[in-house]
Amino acid sequence: MKVFKDKVAIITGAASGIGSAIAERCAYEGMKVVLADIDEGALRNTEKVIKSIGVETLSVRCDVSKENDIRVLAEKTLEAFGEVCLLFNNAGVATGTLLWENTTADWQWVLGVNLWGLINSTKTFVPIMLKQNKECHIVNVASIAGFTACPGNGIYSVSKHAIVNFSETLYYEMKLANAPIDVSVVCPGFVNTQLMNSERNRPSDLMNSLDSTSYGPQKQMFEKIFHDGVLSGISPEQVVEEIFQAIPNKKFYILTHKESKDLIRKRMEDILNENNPTIYF
């Protein structure tokens, strides 16, 4: 896809961070922008920004972990704009500590948003795109955590590994189907977003029954490492620039941090040489 003007773009997790930056870029490219997020207040703020740029905008409160919410998102998009051209599966959350200390609610919440959000979106929007039979592009936001393993970040890493594999499989299947749908997976390192404040949008029925004192001291250590990393990370706009350079070139893997390649290479060497895994921090 080399021409963006007048195309219809859907962005999940559009109220902040990378999602908000994607929405603004889509607007400046002259696209019709559909914003989806669970945080209604922040979503309205993003909607105001997009409307101020002067493009047609639709805002939909959506919990991507719920299949019906995604179906409603699709229905409202088609009712407003008649088609879907670009789909940015960006919604994501993070929480965690040592694997055996994470609660069932932790797993259900993170996998519900990060993985089931992608599953629900694919099941809903790919059939629509296939029926349209016109050029489309799907961008799934994963992470460098989708290629590496990191202590204290297990649930998030598991979800992002799944997104990378899911995206690769979807890419192959689009090629086998000879469909005009391209796929990309974005794998950033640290980005300065509100990821470490994900708990603000955690559903009440999946709240953790444990307080911070119920976990071991490692939790605070991991939180500080990831919090400091996020604060020093690149801007969402830098990630978006990489995405919009990749789409016209039908580039699948989008690695926004140069150091990511060294980490991936080291992990692949460990696997191929049957070495024990390397801890990266």
C-alpha atoms as a PDB file:
ATOM      1  CA  MET A   1       0.000   0.000   0.000  1.00  0.00           C
ATOM      2  CA  LYS A   2       1.706   3.127  -1.238  1.00  0.00           C
ATOM      3  CA  VAL A   3      -1.208   5.578  -1.119  1.00  0.00           C
ATOM      4  CA  PHE A   4      -2.799   6.254   2.257  1.00  0.00           C
ATOM      5  CA  LYS A   5      -5.127   9.156   1.524  1.00  0.00           C
ATOM      6  CA  ASP A   6      -8.819   8.316   2.014  1.00  0.00           C
ATOM      7  CA  LYS A   7      -8.036   4.795   3.229  1.00  0.00           C
ATOM      8  CA  VAL A   8      -9.842   3.553   6.371  1.00  0.00           C
ATOM      9  CA  ALA A   9      -7.601   2.697   9.322  1.00  0.00           C
ATOM     10  CA  ILE A  10      -8.598   0.981  12.570  1.00  0.00           C
ATOM     11  CA  ILE A  11      -6.300   1.328  15.572  1.00  0.00           C
ATOM     12  CA  THR A  12      -6.822  -0.623  18.798  1.00  0.00           C
ATOM     13  CA  GLY A  13      -5.277   0.787  21.950  1.00  0.00           C
ATOM     14  CA  ALA A  14      -5.619   4.158  20.237  1.00  0.00           C
ATOM     15  CA  ALA A  15      -6.035   6.307  23.357  1.00  0.00           C
ATOM     16  CA  SER A  16      -2.348   6.575  24.252  1.00  0.00           C
ATOM     17  CA  GLY A  17       1.225   5.648  23.410  1.00  0.00           C
ATOM     18  CA  ILE A  18       1.988   3.983  20.096  1.00  0.00           C
ATOM     19  CA  GLY A  19      -1.715   3.724  19.244  1.00  0.00           C
ATOM     20  CA  SER A  20      -2.311   7.440  19.629  1.00  0.00           C
ATOM     21  CA  ALA A  21       0.791   8.200  17.556  1.00  0.00           C
ATOM     22  CA  ILE A  22      -0.397   5.815  14.823  1.00  0.00           C
ATOM     23  CA  ALA A  23      -3.787   7.545  14.798  1.00  0.00           C
ATOM     24  CA  GLU A  24      -2.197  10.976  14.394  1.00  0.00           C
ATOM     25  CA  ARG A  25       0.030   9.752  11.563  1.00  0.00           C
ATOM     26  CA  CYS A  26      -2.970   8.208   9.813  1.00  0.00           C
ATOM     27  CA  ALA A  27      -4.813  11.501  10.123  1.00  0.00           C
ATOM     28  CA  TYR A  28      -1.914  13.501   8.705  1.00  0.00           C
ATOM     29  CA  GLU A  29      -1.792  11.032   5.813  1.00  0.00           C
ATOM     30  CA  GLY A  30      -5.423  11.958   5.058  1.00  0.00           C
ATOM     31  CA  MET A  31      -6.962   8.681   6.179  1.00  0.00           C
ATOM     32  CA  LYS A  32     -10.320   8.027   7.805  1.00  0.00           C
ATOM     33  CA  VAL A  33      -9.467   7.032  11.344  1.00  0.00           C
ATOM     34  CA  VAL A  34     -11.283   4.595  13.641  1.00  0.00           C
ATOM     35  CA  LEU A  35     -10.125   4.780  17.256  1.00  0.00           C
ATOM     36  CA  ALA A  36     -10.722   1.856  19.627  1.00  0.00           C
ATOM     37  CA  ASP A  37      -9.766   1.686  23.300  1.00  0.00           C
ATOM     38  CA  ILE A  38     -11.119   0.605  26.680  1.00  0.00           C
ATOM     39  CA  ASP A  39     -10.222   3.951  28.319  1.00  0.00           C
ATOM     40  CA  GLU A  40     -13.113   6.193  27.317  1.00  0.00           C
ATOM     41  CA  GLY A  41     -11.720   9.401  28.799  1.00  0.00           C
ATOM     42  CA  ALA A  42      -8.354   9.116  27.063  1.00  0.00           C
ATOM     43  CA  LEU A  43     -10.113   7.926  23.909  1.00  0.00           C
ATOM     44  CA  ARG A  44     -12.168  11.136  23.746  1.00  0.00           C
ATOM     45  CA  ASN A  45      -9.010  13.190  24.120  1.00  0.00           C
ATOM     46  CA  THR A  46      -7.367  11.384  21.218  1.00  0.00           C
ATOM     47  CA  GLU A  47     -10.548  11.805  19.186  1.00  0.00           C
ATOM     48  CA  LYS A  48     -10.401  15.582  19.692  1.00  0.00           C
ATOM     49  CA  VAL A  49      -6.812  15.661  18.470  1.00  0.00           C
ATOM     50  CA  ILE A  50      -7.625  13.623  15.356  1.00  0.00           C
ATOM     51  CA  LYS A  51     -10.696  15.706  14.543  1.00  0.00           C
ATOM     52  CA  SER A  52      -8.629  18.884  14.873  1.00  0.00           C
ATOM     53  CA  ILE A  53      -6.429  17.619  12.027  1.00  0.00           C
ATOM     54  CA  GLY A  54      -9.522  17.678   9.836  1.00  0.00           C
ATOM     55  CA  VAL A  55     -10.216  14.058   8.925  1.00  0.00           C
ATOM     56  CA  GLU A  56     -13.271  11.851   9.406  1.00  0.00           C
ATOM     57  CA  THR A  57     -13.041  10.046  12.726  1.00  0.00           C
ATOM     58  CA  LEU A  58     -14.972   7.357  14.566  1.00  0.00           C
ATOM     59  CA  SER A  59     -14.362   6.570  18.232  1.00  0.00           C
ATOM     60  CA  VAL A  60     -15.501   3.235  19.732  1.00  0.00           C
ATOM     61  CA  ARG A  61     -15.077   2.060  23.307  1.00  0.00           C
ATOM     62  CA  CYS A  62     -13.766  -1.478  22.915  1.00  0.00           C
ATOM     63  CA  ASP A  63     -12.364  -4.228  25.140  1.00  0.00           C
ATOM     64  CA  VAL A  64     -10.406  -6.254  22.587  1.00  0.00           C
ATOM     65  CA  SER A  65     -10.453  -9.342  24.815  1.00  0.00           C
ATOM     66  CA  LYS A  66     -14.208  -9.585  24.205  1.00  0.00           C
ATOM     67  CA  GLU A  67     -15.160 -10.938  20.785  1.00  0.00           C
ATOM     68  CA  ASN A  68     -18.480  -9.116  20.768  1.00  0.00           C
ATOM     69  CA  ASP A  69     -16.760  -5.760  21.312  1.00  0.00           C
ATOM     70  CA  ILE A  70     -14.623  -6.398  18.224  1.00  0.00           C
ATOM     71  CA  ARG A  71     -17.713  -7.341  16.227  1.00  0.00           C
ATOM     72  CA  VAL A  72     -19.386  -4.088  17.256  1.00  0.00           C
ATOM     73  CA  LEU A  73     -16.219  -2.212  16.263  1.00  0.00           C
ATOM     74  CA  ALA A  74     -16.398  -3.811  12.815  1.00  0.00           C
ATOM     75  CA  GLU A  75     -20.109  -3.081  12.422  1.00  0.00           C
ATOM     76  CA  LYS A  76     -19.693   0.585  13.353  1.00  0.00           C
ATOM     77  CA  THR A  77     -16.689   0.952  11.058  1.00  0.00           C
ATOM     78  CA  LEU A  78     -18.514  -0.510   8.059  1.00  0.00           C
ATOM     79  CA  GLU A  79     -21.598   1.555   8.818  1.00  0.00           C
ATOM     80  CA  ALA A  80     -19.545   4.752   8.923  1.00  0.00           C
ATOM     81  CA  PHE A  81     -16.981   4.139   6.179  1.00  0.00           C
ATOM     82  CA  GLY A  82     -17.977   0.989   4.286  1.00  0.00           C
ATOM     83  CA  GLU A  83     -14.593  -0.762   4.385  1.00  0.00           C
ATOM     84  CA  VAL A  84     -11.411  -1.562   6.305  1.00  0.00           C
ATOM     85  CA  CYS A  85      -8.038  -0.924   4.658  1.00  0.00           C
ATOM     86  CA  LEU A  86      -5.481  -0.861   7.451  1.00  0.00           C
ATOM     87  CA  LEU A  87      -5.777  -2.656  10.767  1.00  0.00           C
ATOM     88  CA  PHE A  88      -3.372  -1.831  13.575  1.00  0.00           C
ATOM     89  CA  ASN A  89      -3.634  -4.432  16.350  1.00  0.00           C
ATOM     90  CA  ASN A  90      -1.857  -2.376  18.960  1.00  0.00           C
ATOM     91  CA  ALA A  91      -3.726  -2.831  22.256  1.00  0.00           C
ATOM     92  CA  GLY A  92      -1.500  -4.314  24.929  1.00  0.00           C
ATOM     93  CA  VAL A  93      -0.962  -4.487  28.690  1.00  0.00           C
ATOM     94  CA  ALA A  94       1.719  -5.745  31.042  1.00  0.00           C
ATOM     95  CA  THR A  95       2.008  -6.963  34.603  1.00  0.00           C
ATOM     96  CA  GLY A  96       3.911  -9.611  36.413  1.00  0.00           C
ATOM     97  CA  THR A  97       6.633 -10.978  38.601  1.00  0.00           C
ATOM     98  CA  LEU A  98       8.142 -14.459  38.868  1.00  0.00           C
ATOM     99  CA  LEU A  99       6.097 -16.990  36.917  1.00  0.00           C
ATOM    100  CA  TRP A 100       5.014 -18.986  39.955  1.00  0.00           C
ATOM    101  CA  GLU A 101       3.931 -15.818  41.778  1.00  0.00           C
ATOM    102  CA  ASN A 102       1.641 -14.568  39.028  1.00  0.00           C
ATOM    103  CA  THR A 103      -2.031 -15.168  39.719  1.00  0.00           C
ATOM    104  CA  THR A 104      -4.552 -16.716  37.355  1.00  0.00           C
ATOM    105  CA  ALA A 105      -6.101 -13.254  37.026  1.00  0.00           C
ATOM    106  CA  ASP A 106      -2.725 -11.876  35.851  1.00  0.00           C
ATOM    107  CA  TRP A 107      -2.550 -14.491  33.103  1.00  0.00           C
ATOM    108  CA  GLN A 108      -6.177 -14.054  32.073  1.00  0.00           C
ATOM    109  CA  TRP A 109      -5.880 -10.286  31.813  1.00  0.00           C
ATOM    110  CA  VAL A 110      -2.607 -10.052  29.869  1.00  0.00           C
ATOM    111  CA  LEU A 111      -3.320 -12.948  27.517  1.00  0.00           C
ATOM    112  CA  GLY A 112      -6.897 -11.725  27.126  1.00  0.00           C
ATOM    113  CA  VAL A 113      -5.808  -8.332  25.820  1.00  0.00           C
ATOM    114  CA  ASN A 114      -2.522  -9.131  24.085  1.00  0.00           C
ATOM    115  CA  LEU A 115      -3.308 -12.491  22.501  1.00  0.00           C
ATOM    116  CA  TRP A 116      -7.092 -12.932  22.486  1.00  0.00           C
ATOM    117  CA  GLY A 117      -7.413  -9.343  21.294  1.00  0.00           C
ATOM    118  CA  LEU A 118      -5.402 -10.323  18.229  1.00  0.00           C
ATOM    119  CA  ILE A 119      -7.343 -13.561  17.775  1.00  0.00           C
ATOM    120  CA  ASN A 120     -10.700 -11.773  17.995  1.00  0.00           C
ATOM    121  CA  SER A 121      -9.574  -9.046  15.616  1.00  0.00           C
ATOM    122  CA  THR A 122      -8.248 -11.513  13.040  1.00  0.00           C
ATOM    123  CA  LYS A 123     -11.384 -13.670  13.149  1.00  0.00           C
ATOM    124  CA  THR A 124     -13.533 -10.587  12.597  1.00  0.00           C
ATOM    125  CA  PHE A 125     -11.612  -8.391  10.180  1.00  0.00           C
ATOM    126  CA  VAL A 126      -9.792 -10.837   7.883  1.00  0.00           C
ATOM    127  CA  PRO A 127     -13.066 -12.215   6.418  1.00  0.00           C
ATOM    128  CA  ILE A 128     -14.176  -8.619   5.801  1.00  0.00           C
ATOM    129  CA  MET A 129     -10.913  -7.812   4.032  1.00  0.00           C
ATOM    130  CA  LEU A 130     -11.072 -10.990   1.955  1.00  0.00           C
ATOM    131  CA  LYS A 131     -14.600 -10.157   0.861  1.00  0.00           C
ATOM    132  CA  GLN A 132     -13.511  -6.650  -0.141  1.00  0.00           C
ATOM    133  CA  ASN A 133     -10.812  -8.187  -2.382  1.00  0.00           C
ATOM    134  CA  LYS A 134      -8.751  -4.999  -2.414  1.00  0.00           C
ATOM    135  CA  GLU A 135      -5.348  -4.018  -1.104  1.00  0.00           C
ATOM    136  CA  CYS A 136      -5.200  -4.136   2.710  1.00  0.00           C
ATOM    137  CA  HIS A 137      -2.511  -4.256   5.380  1.00  0.00           C
ATOM    138  CA  ILE A 138      -2.518  -5.662   8.922  1.00  0.00           C
ATOM    139  CA  VAL A 139       0.057  -4.433  11.441  1.00  0.00           C
ATOM    140  CA  ASN A 140       0.410  -6.422  14.673  1.00  0.00           C
ATOM    141  CA  VAL A 141       2.347  -4.787  17.490  1.00  0.00           C
ATOM    142  CA  ALA A 142       4.514  -7.299  19.344  1.00  0.00           C
ATOM    143  CA  SER A 143       7.836  -6.521  21.069  1.00  0.00           C
ATOM    144  CA  ILE A 144      11.482  -7.528  21.235  1.00  0.00           C
ATOM    145  CA  ALA A 145      10.072  -9.631  24.109  1.00  0.00           C
ATOM    146  CA  GLY A 146       8.554 -11.742  21.336  1.00  0.00           C
ATOM    147  CA  PHE A 147      12.043 -12.960  20.402  1.00  0.00           C
ATOM    148  CA  THR A 148      13.747 -13.116  23.783  1.00  0.00           C
ATOM    149  CA  ALA A 149      13.067 -14.258  27.343  1.00  0.00           C
ATOM    150  CA  CYS A 150      13.282 -11.901  30.293  1.00  0.00           C
ATOM    151  CA  PRO A 151      12.918 -12.744  34.017  1.00  0.00           C
ATOM    152  CA  GLY A 152      10.021 -10.995  35.714  1.00  0.00           C
ATOM    153  CA  ASN A 153       8.246 -10.315  32.453  1.00  0.00           C
ATOM    154  CA  GLY A 154       7.037 -13.814  31.678  1.00  0.00           C
ATOM    155  CA  ILE A 155       3.361 -13.318  30.907  1.00  0.00           C
ATOM    156  CA  TYR A 156       4.075 -10.369  28.630  1.00  0.00           C
ATOM    157  CA  SER A 157       6.864 -12.259  26.852  1.00  0.00           C
ATOM    158  CA  VAL A 158       4.672 -15.331  26.351  1.00  0.00           C
ATOM    159  CA  SER A 159       1.966 -13.160  24.782  1.00  0.00           C
ATOM    160  CA  LYS A 160       4.430 -11.382  22.496  1.00  0.00           C
ATOM    161  CA  HIS A 161       6.084 -14.638  21.371  1.00  0.00           C
ATOM    162  CA  ALA A 162       2.604 -15.812  20.453  1.00  0.00           C
ATOM    163  CA  ILE A 163       1.932 -12.606  18.487  1.00  0.00           C
ATOM    164  CA  VAL A 164       5.123 -13.032  16.446  1.00  0.00           C
ATOM    165  CA  ASN A 165       4.273 -16.640  15.576  1.00  0.00           C
ATOM    166  CA  PHE A 166       0.627 -15.759  14.943  1.00  0.00           C
ATOM    167  CA  SER A 167       1.693 -12.973  12.577  1.00  0.00           C
ATOM    168  CA  GLU A 168       4.130 -15.221  10.697  1.00  0.00           C
ATOM    169  CA  THR A 169       1.421 -17.844  10.269  1.00  0.00           C
ATOM    170  CA  LEU A 170      -1.080 -15.236   9.079  1.00  0.00           C
ATOM    171  CA  TYR A 171       1.496 -13.951   6.583  1.00  0.00           C
ATOM    172  CA  TYR A 172       1.997 -17.459   5.167  1.00  0.00           C
ATOM    173  CA  GLU A 173      -1.738 -18.073   4.978  1.00  0.00           C
ATOM    174  CA  MET A 174      -2.380 -14.812   3.125  1.00  0.00           C
ATOM    175  CA  LYS A 175       0.252 -15.854   0.576  1.00  0.00           C
ATOM    176  CA  LEU A 176      -1.239 -19.347   0.206  1.00  0.00           C
ATOM    177  CA  ALA A 177      -4.680 -17.790  -0.289  1.00  0.00           C
ATOM    178  CA  ASN A 178      -3.232 -15.354  -2.843  1.00  0.00           C
ATOM    179  CA  ALA A 179      -5.008 -12.625  -0.882  1.00  0.00           C
ATOM    180  CA  PRO A 180      -4.233  -8.914  -1.389  1.00  0.00           C
ATOM    181  CA  ILE A 181      -3.599  -8.555   2.353  1.00  0.00           C
ATOM    182  CA  ASP A 182      -0.107  -7.808   3.613  1.00  0.00           C
ATOM    183  CA  VAL A 183       1.001  -8.419   7.190  1.00  0.00           C
ATOM    184  CA  SER A 184       3.658  -6.816   9.368  1.00  0.00           C
ATOM    185  CA  VAL A 185       4.757  -7.416  12.956  1.00  0.00           C
ATOM    186  CA  VAL A 186       6.348  -4.572  14.930  1.00  0.00           C
ATOM    187  CA  CYS A 187       8.870  -5.570  17.601  1.00  0.00           C
ATOM    188  CA  PRO A 188      10.088  -2.517  19.511  1.00  0.00           C
ATOM    189  CA  GLY A 189      12.428  -2.407  22.461  1.00  0.00           C
ATOM    190  CA  PHE A 190      11.657   0.110  25.191  1.00  0.00           C
ATOM    191  CA  VAL A 191       9.232   2.843  24.112  1.00  0.00           C
ATOM    192  CA  ASN A 192       8.201   5.791  26.277  1.00  0.00           C
ATOM    193  CA  THR A 193       4.536   4.913  26.804  1.00  0.00           C
ATOM    194  CA  GLN A 194       2.179   4.182  29.700  1.00  0.00           C
ATOM    195  CA  LEU A 195       2.733   0.420  29.443  1.00  0.00           C
ATOM    196  CA  MET A 196       3.965   0.228  33.037  1.00  0.00           C
ATOM    197  CA  ASN A 197       0.734   1.930  34.111  1.00  0.00           C
ATOM    198  CA  SER A 198      -1.455  -0.701  32.453  1.00  0.00           C
ATOM    199  CA  GLU A 199      -3.230  -1.462  35.726  1.00  0.00           C
ATOM    200  CA  ARG A 200      -5.270   1.730  35.286  1.00  0.00           C
ATOM    201  CA  ASN A 201      -7.402  -0.118  32.725  1.00  0.00           C
ATOM    202  CA  ARG A 202      -7.570  -3.529  34.383  1.00  0.00           C
ATOM    203  CA  PRO A 203     -11.165  -4.832  34.606  1.00  0.00           C
ATOM    204  CA  SER A 204     -12.560  -5.159  38.108  1.00  0.00           C
ATOM    205  CA  ASP A 205     -13.328  -8.855  37.655  1.00  0.00           C
ATOM    206  CA  LEU A 206      -9.656  -9.555  36.875  1.00  0.00           C
ATOM    207  CA  MET A 207      -8.162  -7.455  39.639  1.00  0.00           C
ATOM    208  CA  ASN A 208      -5.359  -9.144  41.529  1.00  0.00           C
ATOM    209  CA  SER A 209      -6.406 -10.237  44.988  1.00  0.00           C
ATOM    210  CA  LEU A 210      -2.809  -9.905  46.201  1.00  0.00           C
ATOM    211  CA  ASP A 211      -1.188  -6.641  47.261  1.00  0.00           C
ATOM    212  CA  SER A 212       2.437  -5.812  46.528  1.00  0.00           C
ATOM    213  CA  THR A 213       3.612  -7.121  49.907  1.00  0.00           C
ATOM    214  CA  SER A 214       2.341 -10.594  49.002  1.00  0.00           C
ATOM    215  CA  TYR A 215       5.044 -10.950  46.363  1.00  0.00           C
ATOM    216  CA  GLY A 216       8.748 -11.501  46.867  1.00  0.00           C
ATOM    217  CA  PRO A 217      11.280  -8.629  46.684  1.00  0.00           C
ATOM    218  CA  GLN A 218      12.000  -9.437  43.035  1.00  0.00           C
ATOM    219  CA  LYS A 219       8.761  -7.786  41.923  1.00  0.00           C
ATOM    220  CA  GLN A 220       9.935  -4.319  42.975  1.00  0.00           C
ATOM    221  CA  MET A 221      13.297  -4.926  41.309  1.00  0.00           C
ATOM    222  CA  PHE A 222      11.704  -5.980  38.020  1.00  0.00           C
ATOM    223  CA  GLU A 223       9.251  -3.076  38.109  1.00  0.00           C
ATOM    224  CA  LYS A 224      12.108  -0.591  38.530  1.00  0.00           C
ATOM    225  CA  ILE A 225      14.107  -2.121  35.667  1.00  0.00           C
ATOM    226  CA  PHE A 226      11.180  -2.009  33.264  1.00  0.00           C
ATOM    227  CA  HIS A 227       9.942   1.374  34.511  1.00  0.00           C
ATOM    228  CA  ASP A 228      13.374   2.947  33.985  1.00  0.00           C
ATOM    229  CA  GLY A 229      13.657   1.282  30.586  1.00  0.00           C
ATOM    230  CA  VAL A 230      10.314   2.625  29.431  1.00  0.00           C
ATOM    231  CA  LEU A 231      11.099   6.152  30.667  1.00  0.00           C
ATOM    232  CA  SER A 232      14.353   6.163  28.691  1.00  0.00           C
ATOM    233  CA  GLY A 233      12.798   4.537  25.630  1.00  0.00           C
ATOM    234  CA  ILE A 234      12.324   5.988  22.176  1.00  0.00           C
ATOM    235  CA  SER A 235       9.212   7.995  21.384  1.00  0.00           C
ATOM    236  CA  PRO A 236       6.038   6.421  19.973  1.00  0.00           C
ATOM    237  CA  GLU A 237       6.461   8.683  16.954  1.00  0.00           C
ATOM    238  CA  GLN A 238       9.792   7.022  16.146  1.00  0.00           C
ATOM    239  CA  VAL A 239       8.089   3.632  16.141  1.00  0.00           C
ATOM    240  CA  VAL A 240       5.332   4.953  13.889  1.00  0.00           C
ATOM    241  CA  GLU A 241       7.859   6.353  11.422  1.00  0.00           C
ATOM    242  CA  GLU A 242       9.375   2.873  11.074  1.00  0.00           C
ATOM    243  CA  ILE A 243       5.899   1.394  10.535  1.00  0.00           C
ATOM    244  CA  PHE A 244       4.980   3.838   7.799  1.00  0.00           C
ATOM    245  CA  GLN A 245       8.262   3.256   6.023  1.00  0.00           C
ATOM    246  CA  ALA A 246       7.625  -0.497   6.139  1.00  0.00           C
ATOM    247  CA  ILE A 247       4.034  -0.611   4.871  1.00  0.00           C
ATOM    248  CA  PRO A 248       4.679   0.643   1.297  1.00  0.00           C
ATOM    249  CA  ASN A 249       7.567  -1.820   1.022  1.00  0.00           C
ATOM    250  CA  LYS A 250       5.457  -4.738   2.317  1.00  0.00           C
ATOM    251  CA  LYS A 251       8.063  -5.322   5.001  1.00  0.00           C
ATOM    252  CA  PHE A 252       7.077  -8.008   7.508  1.00  0.00           C
ATOM    253  CA  TYR A 253       9.506  -7.698  10.441  1.00  0.00           C
ATOM    254  CA  ILE A 254       9.781  -4.169  11.822  1.00  0.00           C
ATOM    255  CA  LEU A 255      12.628  -3.879  14.351  1.00  0.00           C
ATOM    256  CA  THR A 256      12.784  -0.348  15.720  1.00  0.00           C
ATOM    257  CA  HIS A 257      15.907  -0.755  17.892  1.00  0.00           C
ATOM    258  CA  LYS A 258      19.287  -1.616  16.359  1.00  0.00           C
ATOM    259  CA  GLU A 259      20.366  -3.516  19.488  1.00  0.00           C
ATOM    260  CA  SER A 260      17.410  -5.872  19.039  1.00  0.00           C
ATOM    261  CA  LYS A 261      19.197  -7.673  16.227  1.00  0.00           C
ATOM    262  CA  ASP A 262      22.122  -8.534  18.494  1.00  0.00           C
ATOM    263  CA  LEU A 263      19.755  -9.981  21.119  1.00  0.00           C
ATOM    264  CA  ILE A 264      17.879 -12.019  18.530  1.00  0.00           C
ATOM    265  CA  ARG A 265      21.095 -13.234  16.943  1.00  0.00           C
ATOM    266  CA  LYS A 266      22.479 -14.335  20.324  1.00  0.00           C
ATOM    267  CA  ARG A 267      19.277 -16.229  21.157  1.00  0.00           C
ATOM    268  CA  MET A 268      19.251 -17.962  17.775  1.00  0.00           C
ATOM    269  CA  GLU A 269      22.899 -18.935  18.228  1.00  0.00           C
ATOM    270  CA  ASP A 270      22.120 -20.372  21.666  1.00  0.00           C
ATOM    271  CA  ILE A 271      19.320 -22.451  20.150  1.00  0.00           C
ATOM    272  CA  LEU A 272      21.278 -23.664  17.128  1.00  0.00           C
ATOM    273  CA  ASN A 273      24.364 -24.444  19.239  1.00  0.00           C
ATOM    274  CA  GLU A 274      22.186 -26.046  21.925  1.00  0.00           C
ATOM    275  CA  ASN A 275      23.597 -23.684  24.539  1.00  0.00           C
ATOM    276  CA  ASN A 276      21.765 -22.856  27.727  1.00  0.00           C
ATOM    277  CA  PRO A 277      19.731 -19.627  27.447  1.00  0.00           C
ATOM    278  CA  THR A 278      21.538 -16.326  28.005  1.00  0.00           C
ATOM    279  CA  ILE A 279      20.068 -13.889  30.541  1.00  0.00           C
ATOM    280  CA  TYR A 280      20.080 -10.430  28.982  1.00  0.00           C
ATOM    281  CA  PHE A 281      20.181  -8.334  32.147  1.00  0.00           C
END
